[in-house]
Amino acid sequence: MTEKFRVIEDGKPGASRAAPLRVALLVLGLGLGQLALAQSVPDSGAGNSPAAPNAATAATAPANADSSAAAADIESALMRLEEKYAIQEKEAGELKEKLLELEKSNLELSAGNRRLMQQLATAREAGKRFSAELVRRVYRNVSRHVAGMAGTSIPYVGTGVSVGMAGLDVKEGCATLGALNELNHAMKLDTVSESKVCTLAVPTQDEVMAQVLRNWRTAYAVAAAWANQDESTLPAEPPTVPQARANELWMAVFGAIPQAVNPAPQRPGPIQPIAPTPPTPPTPPSMK
């Protein structure tokens, strides 16, 4: 009985709530036990009669029976309370474990959220840098070509201007792809290949002049095909140049109309120009 009525204060969940109830039941049980004991002792005033002990015993027998029954009921109630307490204590332990798991998950989610916020901030900064750099490069490239149109139109001399601008285009395109890959890296995306642009060879001025001298009509057709990718802006065949206009241009650049050093022998009938070689439709290189 002592172990069953012992008050447990070990700090477990629910122990502090069950202790007062158990103490009250303990006091009640002890009170009933003392009452039963008092009723079982014979009255001292009846000691002169030989039949007094038997009469007292007979009188207290029903009270003792009632006290025993009450004690048994209390014992049974205590056992049921102990069982309920054990169940509640088990449930409290399970809830505590779940709470610890939720706290751990919350800490992991918080850490993951901080990492995502850092990645987002890094991607935003990379996006701002790329946007500013792209605007600067595009504006400079377009402005360079617009401003250099007259220079590229100069006979012979314009060839060198065109070669220089093409070289800058390759350099700017390679740098733009490098900036794009920095953005892709910051956003955890796959990078694109830079070699197809960065290794693109630009012909020299002499090589360009050789192409023109071999067949200038083919050179024009290839350039027109590239220029007409989005919309048709140049005729497929080169336009006719008025002789007076051509002479004026040559005079402005060279100071005289060029004369053939070794004129070709005259042939009967007009000389037909060399037919242009059909150009291959240009296909922009893939960036993947």
C-alpha atoms as a PDB file:
ATOM      1  CA  MET A   1       0.000   0.000   0.000  1.00  0.00           C
ATOM      2  CA  THR A   2       2.837   2.388   0.773  1.00  0.00           C
ATOM      3  CA  GLU A   3       4.234   2.138  -2.782  1.00  0.00           C
ATOM      4  CA  LYS A   4       0.809   2.654  -4.363  1.00  0.00           C
ATOM      5  CA  PHE A   5       0.066   5.756  -2.301  1.00  0.00           C
ATOM      6  CA  ARG A   6       3.567   7.238  -2.651  1.00  0.00           C
ATOM      7  CA  VAL A   7       3.541  10.733  -4.187  1.00  0.00           C
ATOM      8  CA  ILE A   8       5.749  10.840  -7.280  1.00  0.00           C
ATOM      9  CA  GLU A   9       7.463  14.114  -8.004  1.00  0.00           C
ATOM     10  CA  ASP A  10      10.091  13.208 -10.589  1.00  0.00           C
ATOM     11  CA  GLY A  11       9.383  16.013 -13.029  1.00  0.00           C
ATOM     12  CA  LYS A  12       7.673  13.769 -15.599  1.00  0.00           C
ATOM     13  CA  PRO A  13       4.791  15.179 -17.613  1.00  0.00           C
ATOM     14  CA  GLY A  14       1.512  14.891 -15.624  1.00  0.00           C
ATOM     15  CA  ALA A  15       3.174  14.025 -12.247  1.00  0.00           C
ATOM     16  CA  SER A  16       2.352  17.380 -10.672  1.00  0.00           C
ATOM     17  CA  ARG A  17      -1.289  17.074 -11.703  1.00  0.00           C
ATOM     18  CA  ALA A  18      -1.825  13.538 -10.321  1.00  0.00           C
ATOM     19  CA  ALA A  19      -0.073  14.135  -6.952  1.00  0.00           C
ATOM     20  CA  PRO A  20      -2.871  16.137  -5.166  1.00  0.00           C
ATOM     21  CA  LEU A  21      -5.516  13.577  -6.102  1.00  0.00           C
ATOM     22  CA  ARG A  22      -3.396  10.716  -4.869  1.00  0.00           C
ATOM     23  CA  VAL A  23      -2.678  12.506  -1.583  1.00  0.00           C
ATOM     24  CA  ALA A  24      -6.410  13.115  -1.023  1.00  0.00           C
ATOM     25  CA  LEU A  25      -7.206   9.471  -1.652  1.00  0.00           C
ATOM     26  CA  LEU A  26      -4.391   8.450   0.682  1.00  0.00           C
ATOM     27  CA  VAL A  27      -5.744  10.634   3.509  1.00  0.00           C
ATOM     28  CA  LEU A  28      -9.269   9.303   2.918  1.00  0.00           C
ATOM     29  CA  GLY A  29      -8.057   5.721   3.073  1.00  0.00           C
ATOM     30  CA  LEU A  30      -6.105   6.317   6.264  1.00  0.00           C
ATOM     31  CA  GLY A  31      -9.130   8.029   7.884  1.00  0.00           C
ATOM     32  CA  LEU A  32     -11.397   5.107   7.077  1.00  0.00           C
ATOM     33  CA  GLY A  33      -8.821   2.690   8.460  1.00  0.00           C
ATOM     34  CA  GLN A  34      -8.552   4.590  11.715  1.00  0.00           C
ATOM     35  CA  LEU A  35     -12.363   4.701  11.996  1.00  0.00           C
ATOM     36  CA  ALA A  36     -12.575   0.958  11.596  1.00  0.00           C
ATOM     37  CA  LEU A  37      -9.874   0.446  14.226  1.00  0.00           C
ATOM     38  CA  ALA A  38     -11.632   2.719  16.723  1.00  0.00           C
ATOM     39  CA  GLN A  39     -14.896   0.885  16.265  1.00  0.00           C
ATOM     40  CA  SER A  40     -13.244  -2.468  16.859  1.00  0.00           C
ATOM     41  CA  VAL A  41     -11.905  -1.490  20.381  1.00  0.00           C
ATOM     42  CA  PRO A  42     -14.444  -2.265  23.237  1.00  0.00           C
ATOM     43  CA  ASP A  43     -15.740   0.523  25.490  1.00  0.00           C
ATOM     44  CA  SER A  44     -13.792   0.719  28.804  1.00  0.00           C
ATOM     45  CA  GLY A  45     -17.028   1.262  30.760  1.00  0.00           C
ATOM     46  CA  ALA A  46     -18.407  -2.104  29.828  1.00  0.00           C
ATOM     47  CA  GLY A  47     -15.462  -4.044  31.237  1.00  0.00           C
ATOM     48  CA  ASN A  48     -17.389  -5.149  34.449  1.00  0.00           C
ATOM     49  CA  SER A  49     -19.769  -7.328  32.355  1.00  0.00           C
ATOM     50  CA  PRO A  50     -18.401 -10.662  31.099  1.00  0.00           C
ATOM     51  CA  ALA A  51     -20.580 -10.450  27.973  1.00  0.00           C
ATOM     52  CA  ALA A  52     -19.356  -6.946  27.000  1.00  0.00           C
ATOM     53  CA  PRO A  53     -16.557  -8.005  24.620  1.00  0.00           C
ATOM     54  CA  ASN A  54     -18.857 -10.223  22.635  1.00  0.00           C
ATOM     55  CA  ALA A  55     -21.534  -7.548  22.438  1.00  0.00           C
ATOM     56  CA  ALA A  56     -19.019  -4.928  21.306  1.00  0.00           C
ATOM     57  CA  THR A  57     -17.611  -7.245  18.692  1.00  0.00           C
ATOM     58  CA  ALA A  58     -21.048  -8.042  17.390  1.00  0.00           C
ATOM     59  CA  ALA A  59     -21.928  -4.365  17.281  1.00  0.00           C
ATOM     60  CA  THR A  60     -18.797  -3.347  15.395  1.00  0.00           C
ATOM     61  CA  ALA A  61     -18.819  -6.210  12.880  1.00  0.00           C
ATOM     62  CA  PRO A  62     -21.035  -4.430  10.304  1.00  0.00           C
ATOM     63  CA  ALA A  63     -18.922  -1.285  10.593  1.00  0.00           C
ATOM     64  CA  ASN A  64     -15.737  -3.271   9.994  1.00  0.00           C
ATOM     65  CA  ALA A  65     -17.277  -4.886   6.935  1.00  0.00           C
ATOM     66  CA  ASP A  66     -18.322  -1.509   5.557  1.00  0.00           C
ATOM     67  CA  SER A  67     -14.809  -0.105   6.201  1.00  0.00           C
ATOM     68  CA  SER A  68     -13.173  -3.037   4.409  1.00  0.00           C
ATOM     69  CA  ALA A  69     -15.497  -2.640   1.442  1.00  0.00           C
ATOM     70  CA  ALA A  70     -14.758   1.079   1.289  1.00  0.00           C
ATOM     71  CA  ALA A  71     -11.014   0.403   1.470  1.00  0.00           C
ATOM     72  CA  ALA A  72     -11.343  -2.134  -1.357  1.00  0.00           C
ATOM     73  CA  ASP A  73     -13.253   0.403  -3.461  1.00  0.00           C
ATOM     74  CA  ILE A  74     -10.572   3.009  -2.796  1.00  0.00           C
ATOM     75  CA  GLU A  75      -7.878   0.503  -3.730  1.00  0.00           C
ATOM     76  CA  SER A  76      -9.700  -0.315  -6.972  1.00  0.00           C
ATOM     77  CA  ALA A  77     -10.179   3.381  -7.760  1.00  0.00           C
ATOM     78  CA  LEU A  78      -6.486   4.018  -7.116  1.00  0.00           C
ATOM     79  CA  MET A  79      -5.514   1.202  -9.456  1.00  0.00           C
ATOM     80  CA  ARG A  80      -7.721   2.640 -12.213  1.00  0.00           C
ATOM     81  CA  LEU A  81      -6.221   6.075 -11.650  1.00  0.00           C
ATOM     82  CA  GLU A  82      -2.740   4.583 -11.833  1.00  0.00           C
ATOM     83  CA  GLU A  83      -3.584   2.960 -15.164  1.00  0.00           C
ATOM     84  CA  LYS A  84      -5.013   6.206 -16.554  1.00  0.00           C
ATOM     85  CA  TYR A  85      -1.998   8.104 -15.286  1.00  0.00           C
ATOM     86  CA  ALA A  86       0.358   5.654 -16.994  1.00  0.00           C
ATOM     87  CA  ILE A  87      -1.544   6.030 -20.272  1.00  0.00           C
ATOM     88  CA  GLN A  88      -1.510   9.831 -20.029  1.00  0.00           C
ATOM     89  CA  GLU A  89       2.169   9.793 -19.146  1.00  0.00           C
ATOM     90  CA  LYS A  90       2.914   7.662 -22.225  1.00  0.00           C
ATOM     91  CA  GLU A  91       0.865   9.981 -24.454  1.00  0.00           C
ATOM     92  CA  ALA A  92       2.639  12.994 -22.975  1.00  0.00           C
ATOM     93  CA  GLY A  93       5.998  11.408 -23.782  1.00  0.00           C
ATOM     94  CA  GLU A  94       4.914  10.740 -27.379  1.00  0.00           C
ATOM     95  CA  LEU A  95       3.709  14.328 -27.730  1.00  0.00           C
ATOM     96  CA  LYS A  96       7.025  15.566 -26.372  1.00  0.00           C
ATOM     97  CA  GLU A  97       8.907  13.499 -28.977  1.00  0.00           C
ATOM     98  CA  LYS A  98       6.686  14.857 -31.750  1.00  0.00           C
ATOM     99  CA  LEU A  99       7.273  18.375 -30.479  1.00  0.00           C
ATOM    100  CA  LEU A 100      11.037  17.829 -30.592  1.00  0.00           C
ATOM    101  CA  GLU A 101      10.752  16.486 -34.155  1.00  0.00           C
ATOM    102  CA  LEU A 102       8.685  19.510 -35.188  1.00  0.00           C
ATOM    103  CA  GLU A 103      11.218  21.855 -33.613  1.00  0.00           C
ATOM    104  CA  LYS A 104      14.020  20.090 -35.505  1.00  0.00           C
ATOM    105  CA  SER A 105      12.089  20.308 -38.782  1.00  0.00           C
ATOM    106  CA  ASN A 106      11.404  23.984 -38.131  1.00  0.00           C
ATOM    107  CA  LEU A 107      15.108  24.638 -37.614  1.00  0.00           C
ATOM    108  CA  GLU A 108      15.934  22.826 -40.862  1.00  0.00           C
ATOM    109  CA  LEU A 109      13.271  24.776 -42.750  1.00  0.00           C
ATOM    110  CA  SER A 110      14.574  28.042 -41.314  1.00  0.00           C
ATOM    111  CA  ALA A 111      18.126  27.191 -42.383  1.00  0.00           C
ATOM    112  CA  GLY A 112      16.921  26.219 -45.860  1.00  0.00           C
ATOM    113  CA  ASN A 113      14.932  29.439 -46.120  1.00  0.00           C
ATOM    114  CA  ARG A 114      18.015  31.473 -45.215  1.00  0.00           C
ATOM    115  CA  ARG A 115      20.043  29.671 -47.882  1.00  0.00           C
ATOM    116  CA  LEU A 116      17.357  30.321 -50.500  1.00  0.00           C
ATOM    117  CA  MET A 117      17.203  33.991 -49.557  1.00  0.00           C
ATOM    118  CA  GLN A 118      20.971  34.250 -49.929  1.00  0.00           C
ATOM    119  CA  GLN A 119      20.842  32.536 -53.326  1.00  0.00           C
ATOM    120  CA  LEU A 120      18.034  34.844 -54.411  1.00  0.00           C
ATOM    121  CA  ALA A 121      20.002  37.912 -53.328  1.00  0.00           C
ATOM    122  CA  THR A 122      23.067  36.642 -55.220  1.00  0.00           C
ATOM    123  CA  ALA A 123      20.975  35.958 -58.339  1.00  0.00           C
ATOM    124  CA  ARG A 124      19.430  39.422 -58.157  1.00  0.00           C
ATOM    125  CA  GLU A 125      22.810  41.097 -57.966  1.00  0.00           C
ATOM    126  CA  ALA A 126      24.094  38.985 -60.852  1.00  0.00           C
ATOM    127  CA  GLY A 127      20.981  39.819 -62.873  1.00  0.00           C
ATOM    128  CA  LYS A 128      21.463  43.547 -62.260  1.00  0.00           C
ATOM    129  CA  ARG A 129      25.102  43.378 -63.324  1.00  0.00           C
ATOM    130  CA  PHE A 130      24.286  41.364 -66.436  1.00  0.00           C
ATOM    131  CA  SER A 131      21.442  43.696 -67.444  1.00  0.00           C
ATOM    132  CA  ALA A 132      23.595  46.802 -67.060  1.00  0.00           C
ATOM    133  CA  GLU A 133      26.496  45.194 -68.931  1.00  0.00           C
ATOM    134  CA  LEU A 134      24.248  43.930 -71.727  1.00  0.00           C
ATOM    135  CA  VAL A 135      22.672  47.356 -72.255  1.00  0.00           C
ATOM    136  CA  ARG A 136      26.121  48.947 -72.378  1.00  0.00           C
ATOM    137  CA  ARG A 137      27.468  46.407 -74.884  1.00  0.00           C
ATOM    138  CA  VAL A 138      24.418  46.508 -77.161  1.00  0.00           C
ATOM    139  CA  TYR A 139      24.367  50.303 -77.220  1.00  0.00           C
ATOM    140  CA  ARG A 140      28.094  50.469 -77.967  1.00  0.00           C
ATOM    141  CA  ASN A 141      27.853  47.835 -80.701  1.00  0.00           C
ATOM    142  CA  VAL A 142      24.911  49.462 -82.445  1.00  0.00           C
ATOM    143  CA  SER A 143      26.401  52.933 -82.142  1.00  0.00           C
ATOM    144  CA  ARG A 144      29.707  51.712 -83.549  1.00  0.00           C
ATOM    145  CA  HIS A 145      28.089  50.239 -86.635  1.00  0.00           C
ATOM    146  CA  VAL A 146      25.886  53.246 -87.264  1.00  0.00           C
ATOM    147  CA  ALA A 147      28.777  55.655 -86.865  1.00  0.00           C
ATOM    148  CA  GLY A 148      31.050  53.489 -89.042  1.00  0.00           C
ATOM    149  CA  MET A 149      28.705  53.133 -91.992  1.00  0.00           C
ATOM    150  CA  ALA A 150      30.393  55.897 -93.969  1.00  0.00           C
ATOM    151  CA  GLY A 151      33.853  54.511 -93.208  1.00  0.00           C
ATOM    152  CA  THR A 152      32.959  51.032 -94.416  1.00  0.00           C
ATOM    153  CA  SER A 153      31.620  52.542 -97.661  1.00  0.00           C
ATOM    154  CA  ILE A 154      34.960  54.033 -98.695  1.00  0.00           C
ATOM    155  CA  PRO A 155      36.435  52.078-101.627  1.00  0.00           C
ATOM    156  CA  TYR A 156      39.329  49.857-100.577  1.00  0.00           C
ATOM    157  CA  VAL A 157      39.890  51.728 -97.320  1.00  0.00           C
ATOM    158  CA  GLY A 158      36.474  50.658 -96.003  1.00  0.00           C
ATOM    159  CA  THR A 159      37.594  47.028 -96.087  1.00  0.00           C
ATOM    160  CA  GLY A 160      39.948  47.617 -93.180  1.00  0.00           C
ATOM    161  CA  VAL A 161      37.191  49.404 -91.263  1.00  0.00           C
ATOM    162  CA  SER A 162      34.846  46.454 -91.742  1.00  0.00           C
ATOM    163  CA  VAL A 163      37.495  43.978 -90.583  1.00  0.00           C
ATOM    164  CA  GLY A 164      38.208  46.019 -87.439  1.00  0.00           C
ATOM    165  CA  MET A 165      34.522  46.271 -86.516  1.00  0.00           C
ATOM    166  CA  ALA A 166      33.982  42.552 -87.100  1.00  0.00           C
ATOM    167  CA  GLY A 167      36.836  41.799 -84.714  1.00  0.00           C
ATOM    168  CA  LEU A 168      35.220  43.991 -82.056  1.00  0.00           C
ATOM    169  CA  ASP A 169      31.904  42.210 -82.607  1.00  0.00           C
ATOM    170  CA  VAL A 170      33.520  38.845 -81.873  1.00  0.00           C
ATOM    171  CA  LYS A 171      35.219  40.217 -78.757  1.00  0.00           C
ATOM    172  CA  GLU A 172      32.016  41.823 -77.465  1.00  0.00           C
ATOM    173  CA  GLY A 173      29.974  38.696 -78.179  1.00  0.00           C
ATOM    174  CA  CYS A 174      32.472  36.509 -76.308  1.00  0.00           C
ATOM    175  CA  ALA A 175      32.417  38.856 -73.292  1.00  0.00           C
ATOM    176  CA  THR A 176      28.590  38.892 -73.305  1.00  0.00           C
ATOM    177  CA  LEU A 177      28.442  35.099 -73.179  1.00  0.00           C
ATOM    178  CA  GLY A 178      30.904  35.154 -70.289  1.00  0.00           C
ATOM    179  CA  ALA A 179      28.637  37.543 -68.374  1.00  0.00           C
ATOM    180  CA  LEU A 180      25.655  35.326 -69.194  1.00  0.00           C
ATOM    181  CA  ASN A 181      27.429  32.297 -67.753  1.00  0.00           C
ATOM    182  CA  GLU A 182      28.151  34.219 -64.560  1.00  0.00           C
ATOM    183  CA  LEU A 183      24.416  34.858 -64.255  1.00  0.00           C
ATOM    184  CA  ASN A 184      23.636  31.194 -64.959  1.00  0.00           C
ATOM    185  CA  HIS A 185      26.116  30.133 -62.299  1.00  0.00           C
ATOM    186  CA  ALA A 186      24.542  32.450 -59.726  1.00  0.00           C
ATOM    187  CA  MET A 187      21.076  31.077 -60.539  1.00  0.00           C
ATOM    188  CA  LYS A 188      22.246  27.430 -60.471  1.00  0.00           C
ATOM    189  CA  LEU A 189      21.545  27.007 -64.210  1.00  0.00           C
ATOM    190  CA  ASP A 190      23.512  25.224 -66.902  1.00  0.00           C
ATOM    191  CA  THR A 191      26.107  27.357 -68.667  1.00  0.00           C
ATOM    192  CA  VAL A 192      26.237  27.927 -72.415  1.00  0.00           C
ATOM    193  CA  SER A 193      29.161  27.260 -74.719  1.00  0.00           C
ATOM    194  CA  GLU A 194      31.399  30.277 -75.351  1.00  0.00           C
ATOM    195  CA  SER A 195      33.850  28.653 -77.773  1.00  0.00           C
ATOM    196  CA  LYS A 196      31.662  28.921 -80.885  1.00  0.00           C
ATOM    197  CA  VAL A 197      31.727  32.705 -80.658  1.00  0.00           C
ATOM    198  CA  CYS A 198      35.060  33.305 -78.940  1.00  0.00           C
ATOM    199  CA  THR A 199      36.976  31.210 -81.488  1.00  0.00           C
ATOM    200  CA  LEU A 200      35.268  32.667 -84.553  1.00  0.00           C
ATOM    201  CA  ALA A 201      37.991  33.721 -87.014  1.00  0.00           C
ATOM    202  CA  VAL A 202      37.754  37.137 -88.661  1.00  0.00           C
ATOM    203  CA  PRO A 203      39.364  37.348 -92.125  1.00  0.00           C
ATOM    204  CA  THR A 204      42.109  39.855 -92.735  1.00  0.00           C
ATOM    205  CA  GLN A 205      41.811  42.844 -95.038  1.00  0.00           C
ATOM    206  CA  ASP A 206      43.760  41.039 -97.759  1.00  0.00           C
ATOM    207  CA  GLU A 207      41.513  37.972 -97.500  1.00  0.00           C
ATOM    208  CA  VAL A 208      38.410  40.129 -97.816  1.00  0.00           C
ATOM    209  CA  MET A 209      39.826  41.908-100.855  1.00  0.00           C
ATOM    210  CA  ALA A 210      40.651  38.544-102.429  1.00  0.00           C
ATOM    211  CA  GLN A 211      37.030  37.452-102.053  1.00  0.00           C
ATOM    212  CA  VAL A 212      35.861  40.651-103.724  1.00  0.00           C
ATOM    213  CA  LEU A 213      38.301  40.288-106.571  1.00  0.00           C
ATOM    214  CA  ARG A 214      37.357  36.658-107.198  1.00  0.00           C
ATOM    215  CA  ASN A 215      33.672  37.445-107.571  1.00  0.00           C
ATOM    216  CA  TRP A 216      32.260  40.561-105.976  1.00  0.00           C
ATOM    217  CA  ARG A 217      28.722  39.595-106.929  1.00  0.00           C
ATOM    218  CA  THR A 218      28.934  36.425-104.817  1.00  0.00           C
ATOM    219  CA  ALA A 219      30.359  38.432-101.925  1.00  0.00           C
ATOM    220  CA  TYR A 220      27.420  40.783-102.175  1.00  0.00           C
ATOM    221  CA  ALA A 221      24.885  37.897-102.354  1.00  0.00           C
ATOM    222  CA  VAL A 222      26.287  36.307 -99.183  1.00  0.00           C
ATOM    223  CA  ALA A 223      26.149  39.616 -97.290  1.00  0.00           C
ATOM    224  CA  ALA A 224      22.594  40.265 -98.521  1.00  0.00           C
ATOM    225  CA  ALA A 225      21.473  36.810 -97.355  1.00  0.00           C
ATOM    226  CA  TRP A 226      22.754  37.506 -93.841  1.00  0.00           C
ATOM    227  CA  ALA A 227      21.208  40.979 -93.796  1.00  0.00           C
ATOM    228  CA  ASN A 228      17.816  39.630 -94.908  1.00  0.00           C
ATOM    229  CA  GLN A 229      17.449  37.043 -92.129  1.00  0.00           C
ATOM    230  CA  ASP A 230      14.708  38.899 -90.255  1.00  0.00           C
ATOM    231  CA  GLU A 231      13.265  40.934 -93.104  1.00  0.00           C
ATOM    232  CA  SER A 232      14.250  41.698 -96.644  1.00  0.00           C
ATOM    233  CA  THR A 233      16.305  44.898 -96.619  1.00  0.00           C
ATOM    234  CA  LEU A 234      18.714  44.318 -99.516  1.00  0.00           C
ATOM    235  CA  PRO A 235      18.008  43.116-103.050  1.00  0.00           C
ATOM    236  CA  ALA A 236      19.399  39.706-103.901  1.00  0.00           C
ATOM    237  CA  GLU A 237      21.182  41.159-106.961  1.00  0.00           C
ATOM    238  CA  PRO A 238      23.517  44.161-106.596  1.00  0.00           C
ATOM    239  CA  PRO A 239      22.022  47.403-107.891  1.00  0.00           C
ATOM    240  CA  THR A 240      23.344  49.145-110.991  1.00  0.00           C
ATOM    241  CA  VAL A 241      25.833  51.897-110.205  1.00  0.00           C
ATOM    242  CA  PRO A 242      25.687  54.935-112.497  1.00  0.00           C
ATOM    243  CA  GLN A 243      29.045  55.558-114.142  1.00  0.00           C
ATOM    244  CA  ALA A 244      29.026  59.239-113.229  1.00  0.00           C
ATOM    245  CA  ARG A 245      28.367  58.472-109.583  1.00  0.00           C
ATOM    246  CA  ALA A 246      31.135  55.868-109.517  1.00  0.00           C
ATOM    247  CA  ASN A 247      33.605  58.303-111.056  1.00  0.00           C
ATOM    248  CA  GLU A 248      32.649  60.952-108.522  1.00  0.00           C
ATOM    249  CA  LEU A 249      33.286  58.541-105.652  1.00  0.00           C
ATOM    250  CA  TRP A 250      36.655  57.451-106.998  1.00  0.00           C
ATOM    251  CA  MET A 251      37.700  61.052-107.601  1.00  0.00           C
ATOM    252  CA  ALA A 252      36.770  61.989-104.021  1.00  0.00           C
ATOM    253  CA  VAL A 253      38.842  59.139-102.575  1.00  0.00           C
ATOM    254  CA  PHE A 254      41.793  58.746-104.950  1.00  0.00           C
ATOM    255  CA  GLY A 255      41.850  62.074-106.796  1.00  0.00           C
ATOM    256  CA  ALA A 256      41.620  60.432-110.209  1.00  0.00           C
ATOM    257  CA  ILE A 257      39.652  57.859-112.105  1.00  0.00           C
ATOM    258  CA  PRO A 258      41.547  54.569-112.023  1.00  0.00           C
ATOM    259  CA  GLN A 259      43.016  53.454-115.341  1.00  0.00           C
ATOM    260  CA  ALA A 260      43.781  49.892-116.303  1.00  0.00           C
ATOM    261  CA  VAL A 261      47.542  49.307-116.348  1.00  0.00           C
ATOM    262  CA  ASN A 262      47.344  46.488-118.870  1.00  0.00           C
ATOM    263  CA  PRO A 263      44.032  46.846-120.639  1.00  0.00           C
ATOM    264  CA  ALA A 264      42.515  43.577-121.782  1.00  0.00           C
ATOM    265  CA  PRO A 265      42.391  42.990-125.545  1.00  0.00           C
ATOM    266  CA  GLN A 266      39.165  43.964-127.137  1.00  0.00           C
ATOM    267  CA  ARG A 267      36.794  41.141-127.810  1.00  0.00           C
ATOM    268  CA  PRO A 268      33.878  41.158-130.148  1.00  0.00           C
ATOM    269  CA  GLY A 269      30.612  41.885-128.395  1.00  0.00           C
ATOM    270  CA  PRO A 270      29.925  43.009-124.783  1.00  0.00           C
ATOM    271  CA  ILE A 271      31.651  41.190-121.916  1.00  0.00           C
ATOM    272  CA  GLN A 272      29.136  39.621-119.550  1.00  0.00           C
ATOM    273  CA  PRO A 273      29.887  39.853-115.806  1.00  0.00           C
ATOM    274  CA  ILE A 274      30.649  36.650-113.939  1.00  0.00           C
ATOM    275  CA  ALA A 275      27.481  35.107-112.575  1.00  0.00           C
ATOM    276  CA  PRO A 276      27.337  35.041-108.757  1.00  0.00           C
ATOM    277  CA  THR A 277      27.653  31.733-106.946  1.00  0.00           C
ATOM    278  CA  PRO A 278      24.411  31.034-105.033  1.00  0.00           C
ATOM    279  CA  PRO A 279      25.196  31.612-101.343  1.00  0.00           C
ATOM    280  CA  THR A 280      24.423  29.063 -98.664  1.00  0.00           C
ATOM    281  CA  PRO A 281      21.603  30.333 -96.446  1.00  0.00           C
ATOM    282  CA  PRO A 282      23.217  31.550 -93.231  1.00  0.00           C
ATOM    283  CA  THR A 283      22.423  29.659 -90.053  1.00  0.00           C
ATOM    284  CA  PRO A 284      23.304  31.313 -86.740  1.00  0.00           C
ATOM    285  CA  PRO A 285      25.422  28.978 -84.563  1.00  0.00           C
ATOM    286  CA  SER A 286      23.652  27.272 -81.709  1.00  0.00           C
ATOM    287  CA  MET A 287      24.451  28.591 -78.254  1.00  0.00           C
ATOM    288  CA  LYS A 288      23.764  25.253 -76.518  1.00  0.00           C
END
